[in-house]
Amino acid sequence: MHYWLMKSEPDTFGIDDLRARPKQTEHWDGVRNYQARNMLRDQMKKGDLAFFYHSNCKEPGIVGIVEIVRQAYPDSTALDPENPHFDPKSTPEAPRWYMVDVRFRERFKRTITLAELKNHRALAELILLRKGNRLSIMPISAAAWRYILKLE
C-alpha cells in the first residue's frame, strides 16, 4: 500500500463535497501537472490511502482521509471544450491526463494545518513543505503517515 496527499480547494471541491456524493465516491479530475499525473497514473493503486488537503484557503491543511477505489483512467474533462480542464491536445486515442476515483473514509475533528506540519522536524521530508512546491498529488512515506495520524 502507498500513501498520498491530495490537494483540493474547498471552494471548488472539499472533503464535505466528497462525503455528500452518492456512495461518498467521486473521480479526482483536473490534474494538469505532468509529475503529479505520472504518480497518479503509474503509482497510485486501488486500496491506497490519501490525506485530503484543503489548499488555497484561510487555513490550509489536512482535513481527512480518502481511499483510492479505482486506479487511473483517462480524464474525460480534458476532452470537453466546455470544461475548464479542457486540453485540445488530449484525445480519446492518446489521452494526456488521467484521474482516479476516491471514496471518503474519515473527516478529522480538526484541520492539521500547514503551519503545524512545518513545526514538526519528523516531517521535514514532506514534499508539501518544500519551498515552491505546487504539486496537487504527492507521496507520503508510511512513517510520515503514521506520525501525522498521531497529530489528529
Protein backbone atom coordinates (compact mmCIF):
# COMPACT_ATOMS: atom_id res chain seq x y z
CA MET A 1 0.00 0.00 0.00
CA HIS A 2 1.11 3.54 -0.76
CA TYR A 3 0.12 6.73 1.00
CA TRP A 4 -0.59 10.07 -0.65
CA LEU A 5 -1.60 13.65 -0.06
CA MET A 6 -4.16 15.09 -2.48
CA LYS A 7 -4.85 18.82 -2.56
CA SER A 8 -8.12 20.48 -3.49
CA GLU A 9 -9.51 23.94 -2.95
CA PRO A 10 -12.51 23.60 -0.62
CA ASP A 11 -14.43 26.27 -2.56
CA THR A 12 -14.14 24.04 -5.65
CA PHE A 13 -14.35 20.55 -4.12
CA GLY A 14 -13.79 19.91 -0.43
CA ILE A 15 -13.97 16.85 1.75
CA ASP A 16 -17.58 17.64 2.70
CA ASP A 17 -18.48 17.66 -1.02
CA LEU A 18 -17.00 14.18 -1.31
CA ARG A 19 -18.87 12.97 1.76
CA ALA A 20 -22.14 14.24 0.20
CA ARG A 21 -21.65 12.35 -3.10
CA PRO A 22 -23.52 9.10 -3.78
CA LYS A 23 -21.56 6.27 -2.16
CA GLN A 24 -19.24 9.04 -0.88
CA THR A 25 -17.23 8.46 -4.05
CA GLU A 26 -16.11 10.77 -6.85
CA HIS A 27 -13.48 10.95 -9.55
CA TRP A 28 -10.42 13.11 -8.88
CA ASP A 29 -10.02 15.03 -12.11
CA GLY A 30 -8.26 18.13 -13.33
CA VAL A 31 -4.67 17.12 -12.55
CA ARG A 32 -2.66 19.16 -15.06
CA ASN A 33 0.90 18.76 -13.88
CA TYR A 34 2.94 16.03 -15.57
CA GLN A 35 4.79 14.96 -12.42
CA ALA A 36 1.52 14.65 -10.45
CA ARG A 37 -0.12 12.92 -13.43
CA ASN A 38 2.67 10.36 -13.62
CA MET A 39 2.35 9.49 -9.93
CA LEU A 40 -1.44 9.26 -10.23
CA ARG A 41 -1.25 7.17 -13.42
CA ASP A 42 1.73 4.94 -12.68
CA GLN A 43 1.95 4.53 -8.90
CA MET A 44 -1.43 5.15 -7.29
CA LYS A 45 -3.27 1.86 -6.79
CA LYS A 46 -6.70 0.74 -5.68
CA GLY A 47 -6.67 0.45 -1.89
CA ASP A 48 -4.07 3.20 -1.35
CA LEU A 49 -4.97 5.87 1.19
CA ALA A 50 -4.55 9.62 0.87
CA PHE A 51 -4.79 12.61 3.12
CA PHE A 52 -7.34 15.10 1.80
CA TYR A 53 -5.70 18.52 1.96
CA HIS A 54 -7.60 21.80 1.65
CA SER A 55 -5.43 24.32 -0.21
CA ASN A 56 -5.70 27.96 -1.20
CA CYS A 57 -7.96 28.80 1.73
CA LYS A 58 -7.80 30.68 5.03
CA GLU A 59 -6.40 27.69 6.91
CA PRO A 60 -4.74 25.20 4.52
CA GLY A 61 -4.19 21.74 5.91
CA ILE A 62 -5.11 18.08 6.15
CA VAL A 63 -8.81 17.58 6.86
CA GLY A 64 -9.33 13.85 6.43
CA ILE A 65 -8.63 10.59 4.62
CA VAL A 66 -9.79 9.13 1.30
CA GLU A 67 -9.27 5.72 -0.28
CA ILE A 68 -8.38 5.13 -3.92
CA VAL A 69 -11.19 2.88 -5.19
CA ARG A 70 -10.42 2.94 -8.93
CA GLN A 71 -6.98 3.16 -10.48
CA ALA A 72 -6.06 5.69 -13.14
CA TYR A 73 -8.16 6.04 -16.28
CA PRO A 74 -8.35 8.83 -18.90
CA ASP A 75 -9.64 12.15 -17.56
CA SER A 76 -12.77 12.92 -19.56
CA THR A 77 -12.70 16.61 -18.57
CA ALA A 78 -9.68 17.06 -20.87
CA LEU A 79 -11.91 16.19 -23.85
CA ASP A 80 -14.77 18.57 -23.00
CA PRO A 81 -14.35 22.04 -24.57
CA GLU A 82 -16.85 23.44 -22.05
CA ASN A 83 -14.80 22.23 -19.07
CA PRO A 84 -12.13 24.48 -17.53
CA HIS A 85 -9.74 21.48 -17.62
CA PHE A 86 -10.11 21.03 -21.40
CA ASP A 87 -6.88 20.20 -23.25
CA PRO A 88 -7.13 20.29 -27.06
CA LYS A 89 -4.01 18.10 -27.31
CA SER A 90 -5.65 15.25 -25.42
CA THR A 91 -7.64 12.74 -27.48
CA PRO A 92 -9.52 9.52 -26.68
CA GLU A 93 -6.82 7.61 -28.61
CA ALA A 94 -3.94 9.38 -26.86
CA PRO A 95 -5.08 10.76 -23.50
CA ARG A 96 -2.65 13.14 -21.81
CA TRP A 97 -4.41 13.29 -18.46
CA TYR A 98 -5.75 10.74 -16.01
CA MET A 99 -7.99 10.59 -12.96
CA VAL A 100 -8.74 8.13 -10.16
CA ASP A 101 -11.86 7.54 -8.09
CA VAL A 102 -11.69 8.28 -4.38
CA ARG A 103 -14.03 7.37 -1.54
CA PHE A 104 -14.48 9.29 1.69
CA ARG A 105 -13.04 7.46 4.70
CA GLU A 106 -12.80 9.99 7.51
CA ARG A 107 -13.13 13.68 8.34
CA PHE A 108 -10.74 14.78 11.05
CA LYS A 109 -12.09 16.55 14.11
CA ARG A 110 -9.78 19.44 13.29
CA THR A 111 -7.58 20.65 10.46
CA ILE A 112 -3.93 19.71 10.79
CA THR A 113 -2.65 23.00 9.41
CA LEU A 114 0.29 23.58 7.13
CA ALA A 115 1.81 25.80 9.83
CA GLU A 116 1.54 22.93 12.33
CA LEU A 117 3.11 20.44 9.91
CA LYS A 118 6.06 22.80 9.42
CA ASN A 119 6.74 22.74 13.18
CA HIS A 120 7.48 19.00 13.29
CA ARG A 121 11.07 18.03 12.47
CA ALA A 122 9.93 14.45 11.84
CA LEU A 123 8.01 15.75 8.80
CA ALA A 124 10.87 17.73 7.23
CA GLU A 125 10.98 15.22 4.33
CA LEU A 126 7.45 16.04 3.14
CA ILE A 127 7.31 17.35 -0.41
CA LEU A 128 4.45 19.56 0.79
CA LEU A 129 6.88 21.50 2.97
CA ARG A 130 9.45 22.18 0.25
CA LYS A 131 9.70 25.76 -0.89
CA GLY A 132 7.99 26.32 -4.22
CA ASN A 133 6.09 23.03 -4.19
CA ARG A 134 2.93 23.25 -6.27
CA LEU A 135 2.08 19.58 -6.74
CA SER A 136 -1.55 18.64 -6.17
CA ILE A 137 -0.69 14.98 -5.55
CA MET A 138 2.35 13.76 -3.67
CA PRO A 139 3.55 10.60 -1.95
CA ILE A 140 3.71 10.33 1.83
CA SER A 141 6.04 7.83 3.50
CA ALA A 142 4.49 5.25 5.84
CA ALA A 143 6.43 6.81 8.73
CA ALA A 144 5.13 10.31 7.95
CA TRP A 145 1.59 8.91 7.52
CA ARG A 146 1.67 7.35 11.00
CA TYR A 147 3.18 10.50 12.52
CA ILE A 148 0.51 12.76 11.01
CA LEU A 149 -2.27 10.45 12.21
CA LYS A 150 -0.98 10.89 15.75
CA LEU A 151 -1.36 14.67 15.40
CA GLU A 152 -5.10 14.32 14.88
